[in-house]
Structures are given as C-alpha cells and as structure tokens.
Amino acid sequence: MLVCHCNLITEKEIERAILGLLEADPWQLIVPAKVYHTLAKRGRCCGCFPSVVETIIRVTEAYHLRSNAGEAEIVSYLDRVRGLRGQFQGGKHEGRKEGHRAA
C-alpha cells in the first residue's frame, strides 16, 4: 500500500526501515523524520505522518512482543509514545486559520 504519495513510499518500505532502526537499538524513540532519514527521503506535505506514526507503533509493538522483553517494559514504552502523539496531535492544523483557502 502506498503511504506517502509525495515520495512514493510503500508501507512495506516503512516497515523495513523501522525494523532496521529497531535492530540497531530496540528502545530508541522512532519518529517519522527518523524513518524518512533512513529511507533517504524527506517529508514534503507531511500528510502521511499520522499513518507513519501508527505504523511505527504497530511494528514496534510486534517487534517487542517477539523479543524477550518484559511486558512491563513494552507497555511503558508504548504508553510514552501514545502520550507524545496525544500531546502533539489536534488543535491547529499546520498553523493555518480555519478559513484559510489555498486558491
């Protein structure tokens, strides 16, 4: 499935990049910018970032469930990630006013 239309990045490519980052350091905080840097791309419109965050959470959770990590460590890590998502989500949309029109 195509996740990023600007860079033509598929979900499988994002999943492979996340798994590569997890192999390097299983407890690092992975964000969309880090995934895009790994893929040698950059976010353009960044409309795909919410989908990338959901993919990061899903792949990271599955990775840690397959590993020998304790359940408490996994839950604590994912709660921190979900808390950050809630903290930075919502409110203003890219700093635009509600009546903003491009055309």
C-alpha atoms as a PDB file:
ATOM      1  CA  MET A   1       0.000   0.000   0.000  1.00  0.00           C
ATOM      2  CA  LEU A   2       1.295   3.452  -0.883  1.00  0.00           C
ATOM      3  CA  VAL A   3       1.613   5.564   2.285  1.00  0.00           C
ATOM      4  CA  CYS A   4       3.493   8.627   1.047  1.00  0.00           C
ATOM      5  CA  HIS A   5       2.315   9.913  -2.320  1.00  0.00           C
ATOM      6  CA  CYS A   6       4.907  12.710  -2.437  1.00  0.00           C
ATOM      7  CA  ASN A   7       7.884  10.334  -2.188  1.00  0.00           C
ATOM      8  CA  LEU A   8       6.203   7.142  -3.460  1.00  0.00           C
ATOM      9  CA  ILE A   9       6.965   5.185  -0.283  1.00  0.00           C
ATOM     10  CA  THR A  10       5.085   1.979   0.443  1.00  0.00           C
ATOM     11  CA  GLU A  11       4.057   0.600   3.810  1.00  0.00           C
ATOM     12  CA  LYS A  12       6.499  -2.314   3.382  1.00  0.00           C
ATOM     13  CA  GLU A  13       9.422   0.107   2.885  1.00  0.00           C
ATOM     14  CA  ILE A  14       8.458   1.974   6.048  1.00  0.00           C
ATOM     15  CA  GLU A  15       8.139  -1.298   7.980  1.00  0.00           C
ATOM     16  CA  ARG A  16      11.611  -2.427   6.813  1.00  0.00           C
ATOM     17  CA  ALA A  17      13.118   0.919   7.833  1.00  0.00           C
ATOM     18  CA  ILE A  18      11.519   0.682  11.282  1.00  0.00           C
ATOM     19  CA  LEU A  19      12.761  -2.885  11.761  1.00  0.00           C
ATOM     20  CA  GLY A  20      16.263  -1.781  10.748  1.00  0.00           C
ATOM     21  CA  LEU A  21      16.167   1.001  13.335  1.00  0.00           C
ATOM     22  CA  LEU A  22      14.890  -1.415  15.993  1.00  0.00           C
ATOM     23  CA  GLU A  23      17.689  -3.859  15.219  1.00  0.00           C
ATOM     24  CA  ALA A  24      20.217  -1.073  15.847  1.00  0.00           C
ATOM     25  CA  ASP A  25      18.603  -0.002  19.152  1.00  0.00           C
ATOM     26  CA  PRO A  26      15.374  -1.684  20.278  1.00  0.00           C
ATOM     27  CA  TRP A  27      14.446   1.036  22.790  1.00  0.00           C
ATOM     28  CA  GLN A  28      15.068   4.162  20.759  1.00  0.00           C
ATOM     29  CA  LEU A  29      12.206   6.544  20.123  1.00  0.00           C
ATOM     30  CA  ILE A  30      11.387   6.282  16.433  1.00  0.00           C
ATOM     31  CA  VAL A  31       9.658   9.242  14.801  1.00  0.00           C
ATOM     32  CA  PRO A  32       8.624   9.812  11.172  1.00  0.00           C
ATOM     33  CA  ALA A  33      11.608  12.088  10.491  1.00  0.00           C
ATOM     34  CA  LYS A  34      13.986   9.315  11.545  1.00  0.00           C
ATOM     35  CA  VAL A  35      12.221   6.822   9.274  1.00  0.00           C
ATOM     36  CA  TYR A  36      12.371   9.220   6.336  1.00  0.00           C
ATOM     37  CA  HIS A  37      16.048   9.932   7.017  1.00  0.00           C
ATOM     38  CA  THR A  38      16.718   6.181   6.951  1.00  0.00           C
ATOM     39  CA  LEU A  39      14.959   5.992   3.585  1.00  0.00           C
ATOM     40  CA  ALA A  40      16.998   8.996   2.324  1.00  0.00           C
ATOM     41  CA  LYS A  41      13.772  10.945   1.814  1.00  0.00           C
ATOM     42  CA  ARG A  42      12.211  13.982   3.446  1.00  0.00           C
ATOM     43  CA  GLY A  43       8.667  14.842   4.387  1.00  0.00           C
ATOM     44  CA  ARG A  44       7.128  17.210   1.882  1.00  0.00           C
ATOM     45  CA  CYS A  45       3.474  17.796   2.685  1.00  0.00           C
ATOM     46  CA  CYS A  46       3.727  15.558   5.816  1.00  0.00           C
ATOM     47  CA  GLY A  47       0.133  14.408   5.392  1.00  0.00           C
ATOM     48  CA  CYS A  48       1.317  10.812   5.694  1.00  0.00           C
ATOM     49  CA  PHE A  49       2.974  11.308   9.106  1.00  0.00           C
ATOM     50  CA  PRO A  50      -0.082  10.179  11.147  1.00  0.00           C
ATOM     51  CA  SER A  51      -0.125   6.915   9.162  1.00  0.00           C
ATOM     52  CA  VAL A  52       3.632   6.548   9.641  1.00  0.00           C
ATOM     53  CA  VAL A  53       3.216   7.033  13.413  1.00  0.00           C
ATOM     54  CA  GLU A  54       0.558   4.310  13.508  1.00  0.00           C
ATOM     55  CA  THR A  55       2.875   2.009  11.531  1.00  0.00           C
ATOM     56  CA  ILE A  56       5.745   2.767  13.916  1.00  0.00           C
ATOM     57  CA  ILE A  57       3.599   1.863  16.923  1.00  0.00           C
ATOM     58  CA  ARG A  58       2.283  -1.327  15.313  1.00  0.00           C
ATOM     59  CA  VAL A  59       5.683  -2.568  14.102  1.00  0.00           C
ATOM     60  CA  THR A  60       7.448  -1.633  17.347  1.00  0.00           C
ATOM     61  CA  GLU A  61       4.836  -3.391  19.460  1.00  0.00           C
ATOM     62  CA  ALA A  62       5.054  -6.553  17.330  1.00  0.00           C
ATOM     63  CA  TYR A  63       8.863  -6.444  17.413  1.00  0.00           C
ATOM     64  CA  HIS A  64       8.961  -6.255  21.202  1.00  0.00           C
ATOM     65  CA  LEU A  65       6.318  -8.943  21.639  1.00  0.00           C
ATOM     66  CA  ARG A  66       8.504 -11.301  19.556  1.00  0.00           C
ATOM     67  CA  SER A  67      11.589 -10.417  21.612  1.00  0.00           C
ATOM     68  CA  ASN A  68      12.300 -11.450  25.174  1.00  0.00           C
ATOM     69  CA  ALA A  69      11.402  -8.046  26.614  1.00  0.00           C
ATOM     70  CA  GLY A  70       9.220  -7.947  29.690  1.00  0.00           C
ATOM     71  CA  GLU A  71       5.578  -6.942  29.308  1.00  0.00           C
ATOM     72  CA  ALA A  72       6.011  -4.005  31.709  1.00  0.00           C
ATOM     73  CA  GLU A  73       8.805  -2.507  29.581  1.00  0.00           C
ATOM     74  CA  ILE A  74       6.739  -2.788  26.398  1.00  0.00           C
ATOM     75  CA  VAL A  75       3.637  -1.188  27.917  1.00  0.00           C
ATOM     76  CA  SER A  76       5.665   1.637  29.444  1.00  0.00           C
ATOM     77  CA  TYR A  77       7.402   2.390  26.139  1.00  0.00           C
ATOM     78  CA  LEU A  78       4.218   2.355  24.063  1.00  0.00           C
ATOM     79  CA  ASP A  79       2.368   4.492  26.609  1.00  0.00           C
ATOM     80  CA  ARG A  80       5.117   7.101  26.303  1.00  0.00           C
ATOM     81  CA  VAL A  81       4.802   7.070  22.504  1.00  0.00           C
ATOM     82  CA  ARG A  82       0.999   7.316  22.617  1.00  0.00           C
ATOM     83  CA  GLY A  83       1.280  10.155  25.148  1.00  0.00           C
ATOM     84  CA  LEU A  84       3.544  12.098  22.818  1.00  0.00           C
ATOM     85  CA  ARG A  85       1.126  11.512  19.947  1.00  0.00           C
ATOM     86  CA  GLY A  86      -1.745  12.893  22.029  1.00  0.00           C
ATOM     87  CA  GLN A  87       0.347  15.846  23.150  1.00  0.00           C
ATOM     88  CA  PHE A  88       1.260  16.979  19.639  1.00  0.00           C
ATOM     89  CA  GLN A  89      -1.927  15.992  17.808  1.00  0.00           C
ATOM     90  CA  GLY A  90      -5.021  18.081  17.274  1.00  0.00           C
ATOM     91  CA  GLY A  91      -5.530  21.774  17.785  1.00  0.00           C
ATOM     92  CA  LYS A  92      -4.217  23.864  14.963  1.00  0.00           C
ATOM     93  CA  HIS A  93      -3.603  22.359  11.574  1.00  0.00           C
ATOM     94  CA  GLU A  94      -0.164  23.486  10.393  1.00  0.00           C
ATOM     95  CA  GLY A  95      -0.777  26.905  11.922  1.00  0.00           C
ATOM     96  CA  ARG A  96      -3.468  27.807   9.380  1.00  0.00           C
ATOM     97  CA  LYS A  97      -6.574  29.740  10.253  1.00  0.00           C
ATOM     98  CA  GLU A  98      -9.877  27.943   9.914  1.00  0.00           C
ATOM     99  CA  GLY A  99     -10.977  29.961   6.891  1.00  0.00           C
ATOM    100  CA  HIS A 100      -7.669  29.533   5.045  1.00  0.00           C
ATOM    101  CA  ARG A 101      -8.001  28.700   1.369  1.00  0.00           C
ATOM    102  CA  ALA A 102      -5.135  27.906  -0.969  1.00  0.00           C
ATOM    103  CA  ALA A 103      -6.875  29.164  -4.108  1.00  0.00           C
END
